[in-house]
Structures are given as structure tokens and as C-alpha cells.
């Protein structure tokens, strides 16, 4: 999965796979979801070193919005019930 401030996506991939706009969090987990979905759908996912300064204070507290995004992500990808 890619957690990133900058994501480059080939047009073919973007046309085949859109961002999920139903997630409850505006700025959290969209990148993880998108890169994981791309991988699960058979697209190559990778990273490259680029010189970039992300001037952001970051997340100093787990906000309600972050928690809602975390729950959405884990319910979708991380909490699969095993069936016999």
C-alpha cells in the first residue's frame, strides 16, 4: 500500500479504477485504499524517491474523522470474517 502526499497514476489505471468517494474521511486512508485496490486488481504498484517537502503539521491527535476513516478501512480490508 502507498501512503503518500503525491501519487502518480497511469491514465489506463485511473480510467479502470476510480477513487472510492464513499469513505467518511476526507484526507485519511484514501491513498491506502486506492493503492491496495490497484494491487488487488492486478495493477503494479510501486514507489520512487522524489525530492519533496511536505509542509504539513501532520497528525498530532487521532481526530474523529481519522477514527471514522480507520474504521471504514479496517471494516473493508482488515476485518474479514473467516468462513468454513
Protein backbone atom coordinates (compact mmCIF):
# COMPACT_ATOMS: atom_id res chain seq x y z
CA UNK A 1 0.00 0.00 0.00
CA UNK A 2 1.12 3.52 -0.65
CA UNK A 3 0.69 6.26 1.91
CA UNK A 4 1.59 9.40 0.10
CA UNK A 5 1.36 13.09 -0.39
CA UNK A 6 1.92 12.59 -4.14
CA UNK A 7 0.54 9.79 -6.25
CA UNK A 8 1.04 9.39 -9.99
CA UNK A 9 -1.36 7.06 -11.74
CA UNK A 10 -1.23 5.96 -15.35
CA UNK A 11 -4.30 7.02 -17.30
CA UNK A 12 -5.26 3.41 -18.07
CA UNK A 13 -5.29 2.58 -14.37
CA UNK A 14 -7.20 5.72 -13.44
CA UNK A 15 -9.85 5.03 -16.09
CA UNK A 16 -10.22 1.44 -14.85
CA UNK A 17 -10.23 2.25 -11.16
CA UNK A 18 -11.67 5.37 -9.57
CA UNK A 19 -11.17 6.68 -6.06
CA UNK A 20 -13.83 5.50 -3.63
CA UNK A 21 -15.67 8.68 -2.71
CA UNK A 22 -17.89 6.97 -0.12
CA UNK A 23 -15.26 6.90 2.62
CA UNK A 24 -16.09 9.04 5.65
CA UNK A 25 -12.65 10.63 6.00
CA UNK A 26 -11.61 13.46 3.68
CA UNK A 27 -7.83 13.19 3.96
CA UNK A 28 -7.08 9.84 5.55
CA UNK A 29 -6.93 6.33 4.10
CA UNK A 30 -7.86 7.28 0.50
CA UNK A 31 -4.29 6.63 -0.64
CA UNK A 32 -4.03 3.33 1.21
CA UNK A 33 -7.37 2.21 -0.20
CA UNK A 34 -6.56 3.24 -3.75
CA UNK A 35 -3.14 1.59 -3.85
CA UNK A 36 -4.44 -1.60 -2.21
CA UNK A 37 -7.36 -1.79 -4.66
CA UNK A 38 -4.95 -1.28 -7.57
CA UNK A 39 -2.81 -4.13 -6.28
CA UNK A 40 -5.81 -6.41 -5.70
CA UNK A 41 -6.99 -5.67 -9.25
CA UNK A 42 -3.68 -6.79 -10.70
CA UNK A 43 -2.01 -3.43 -11.36
CA UNK A 44 1.63 -2.89 -10.50
CA UNK A 45 2.12 -0.55 -7.55
CA UNK A 46 5.47 0.94 -6.68
CA UNK A 47 7.28 3.85 -5.15
CA UNK A 48 10.05 6.15 -6.30
CA UNK A 49 12.25 8.53 -4.37
CA UNK A 50 11.49 12.13 -5.29
CA UNK A 51 12.75 15.30 -3.63
CA UNK A 52 9.65 16.71 -1.98
CA UNK A 53 8.97 18.78 1.10
CA UNK A 54 5.51 18.20 2.55
CA UNK A 55 4.95 21.29 4.67
CA UNK A 56 2.29 19.94 6.97
CA UNK A 57 1.92 19.88 10.74
CA UNK A 58 0.96 16.23 10.43
CA UNK A 59 -1.50 14.46 12.65
CA UNK A 60 -0.92 15.37 16.27
CA UNK A 61 -4.12 13.74 17.52
CA UNK A 62 -6.35 10.97 16.24
CA UNK A 63 -9.41 13.00 15.33
CA UNK A 64 -12.96 11.69 14.99
CA UNK A 65 -12.54 11.99 11.22
CA UNK A 66 -9.35 9.89 11.32
CA UNK A 67 -11.04 7.26 13.52
CA UNK A 68 -14.01 7.09 11.12
CA UNK A 69 -11.60 6.57 8.22
CA UNK A 70 -9.70 3.91 10.16
CA UNK A 71 -12.92 2.04 10.94
CA UNK A 72 -14.04 2.24 7.31
CA UNK A 73 -10.66 0.94 6.09
CA UNK A 74 -10.44 -1.91 8.61
CA UNK A 75 -14.04 -2.95 8.04
CA UNK A 76 -13.39 -3.03 4.31
CA UNK A 77 -9.95 -4.65 4.25
CA UNK A 78 -8.77 -5.77 7.65
CA UNK A 79 -11.59 -7.46 9.47
CA UNK A 80 -12.62 -10.27 7.19
CA UNK A 81 -14.63 -12.99 8.88
CA UNK A 82 -13.36 -16.46 8.21
CA UNK A 83 -15.97 -18.87 6.90
CA UNK A 84 -15.76 -22.66 7.00
